[in-house]
């Protein structure tokens, strides 16, 4: 009888550890997703600024010729 109680307690403790691990993994996953989204936004902003700079460079010789 006492062996069954010990096994039950051990199983419950292990299940609790698994739930904690899953929660930690989900939290880390959410943080990584947010980090990737922020990186994507930054990359888009840089690409936009590069495009604007390229347009300004192309317009400069045209203005000088006028």
C-alpha atoms as a PDB file:
ATOM      1  CA  UNK A   1       0.000   0.000   0.000  1.00  0.00           C
ATOM      2  CA  UNK A   2       2.703   2.499   0.916  1.00  0.00           C
ATOM      3  CA  UNK A   3       4.579   1.635  -2.271  1.00  0.00           C
ATOM      4  CA  UNK A   4       1.519   2.673  -4.311  1.00  0.00           C
ATOM      5  CA  UNK A   5       1.397   6.017  -2.488  1.00  0.00           C
ATOM      6  CA  UNK A   6       5.089   6.637  -3.143  1.00  0.00           C
ATOM      7  CA  UNK A   7       4.650   5.826  -6.837  1.00  0.00           C
ATOM      8  CA  UNK A   8       1.606   8.099  -7.051  1.00  0.00           C
ATOM      9  CA  UNK A   9       3.482  10.979  -5.405  1.00  0.00           C
ATOM     10  CA  UNK A  10       6.474  10.440  -7.717  1.00  0.00           C
ATOM     11  CA  UNK A  11       4.216  10.472 -10.789  1.00  0.00           C
ATOM     12  CA  UNK A  12       2.496  13.677  -9.639  1.00  0.00           C
ATOM     13  CA  UNK A  13       5.836  15.360  -8.973  1.00  0.00           C
ATOM     14  CA  UNK A  14       7.135  14.398 -12.399  1.00  0.00           C
ATOM     15  CA  UNK A  15       3.945  15.630 -14.032  1.00  0.00           C
ATOM     16  CA  UNK A  16       4.381  18.948 -12.242  1.00  0.00           C
ATOM     17  CA  UNK A  17       7.936  19.262 -13.562  1.00  0.00           C
ATOM     18  CA  UNK A  18       6.716  18.570 -17.068  1.00  0.00           C
ATOM     19  CA  UNK A  19       4.069  21.271 -16.810  1.00  0.00           C
ATOM     20  CA  UNK A  20       6.651  23.766 -15.577  1.00  0.00           C
ATOM     21  CA  UNK A  21       8.993  22.875 -18.423  1.00  0.00           C
ATOM     22  CA  UNK A  22       6.191  23.289 -20.961  1.00  0.00           C
ATOM     23  CA  UNK A  23       5.260  26.678 -19.511  1.00  0.00           C
ATOM     24  CA  UNK A  24       8.881  27.818 -19.628  1.00  0.00           C
ATOM     25  CA  UNK A  25       9.221  26.664 -23.230  1.00  0.00           C
ATOM     26  CA  UNK A  26       6.046  28.512 -24.203  1.00  0.00           C
ATOM     27  CA  UNK A  27       7.289  31.690 -22.532  1.00  0.00           C
ATOM     28  CA  UNK A  28      10.661  31.479 -24.278  1.00  0.00           C
ATOM     29  CA  UNK A  29       8.905  30.781 -27.575  1.00  0.00           C
ATOM     30  CA  UNK A  30       6.696  33.853 -27.192  1.00  0.00           C
ATOM     31  CA  UNK A  31       9.712  36.023 -26.375  1.00  0.00           C
ATOM     32  CA  UNK A  32      11.602  34.743 -29.429  1.00  0.00           C
ATOM     33  CA  UNK A  33       8.579  35.400 -31.638  1.00  0.00           C
ATOM     34  CA  UNK A  34       8.378  38.975 -30.383  1.00  0.00           C
ATOM     35  CA  UNK A  35      12.117  39.405 -30.918  1.00  0.00           C
ATOM     36  CA  UNK A  36      11.826  38.167 -34.504  1.00  0.00           C
ATOM     37  CA  UNK A  37       8.888  40.478 -35.212  1.00  0.00           C
ATOM     38  CA  UNK A  38      10.839  43.461 -33.864  1.00  0.00           C
ATOM     39  CA  UNK A  39      13.818  42.494 -36.014  1.00  0.00           C
ATOM     40  CA  UNK A  40      11.573  42.274 -39.074  1.00  0.00           C
ATOM     41  CA  UNK A  41      10.163  45.746 -38.380  1.00  0.00           C
ATOM     42  CA  UNK A  42      13.656  47.171 -37.970  1.00  0.00           C
ATOM     43  CA  UNK A  43      14.767  45.567 -41.225  1.00  0.00           C
ATOM     44  CA  UNK A  44      11.775  47.043 -43.066  1.00  0.00           C
ATOM     45  CA  UNK A  45      12.566  50.509 -41.675  1.00  0.00           C
ATOM     46  CA  UNK A  46      16.192  50.233 -42.775  1.00  0.00           C
ATOM     47  CA  UNK A  47      15.143  49.086 -46.251  1.00  0.00           C
ATOM     48  CA  UNK A  48      12.776  52.043 -46.510  1.00  0.00           C
ATOM     49  CA  UNK A  49      15.512  54.491 -45.485  1.00  0.00           C
ATOM     50  CA  UNK A  50      17.925  52.955 -47.987  1.00  0.00           C
ATOM     51  CA  UNK A  51      15.295  53.324 -50.711  1.00  0.00           C
ATOM     52  CA  UNK A  52      14.737  56.970 -49.797  1.00  0.00           C
ATOM     53  CA  UNK A  53      18.492  57.616 -49.850  1.00  0.00           C
ATOM     54  CA  UNK A  54      18.798  55.996 -53.270  1.00  0.00           C
ATOM     55  CA  UNK A  55      16.013  58.242 -54.610  1.00  0.00           C
ATOM     56  CA  UNK A  56      17.728  61.328 -53.217  1.00  0.00           C
ATOM     57  CA  UNK A  57      21.026  60.309 -54.794  1.00  0.00           C
ATOM     58  CA  UNK A  58      19.343  59.852 -58.167  1.00  0.00           C
ATOM     59  CA  UNK A  59      17.635  63.227 -57.898  1.00  0.00           C
ATOM     60  CA  UNK A  60      20.842  65.111 -57.002  1.00  0.00           C
ATOM     61  CA  UNK A  61      22.490  64.840 -60.461  1.00  0.00           C
ATOM     62  CA  UNK A  62      19.209  65.829 -62.089  1.00  0.00           C
ATOM     63  CA  UNK A  63      19.019  68.957 -59.977  1.00  0.00           C
ATOM     64  CA  UNK A  64      22.640  69.844 -60.714  1.00  0.00           C
ATOM     65  CA  UNK A  65      22.007  69.527 -64.457  1.00  0.00           C
ATOM     66  CA  UNK A  66      19.039  71.909 -64.294  1.00  0.00           C
END
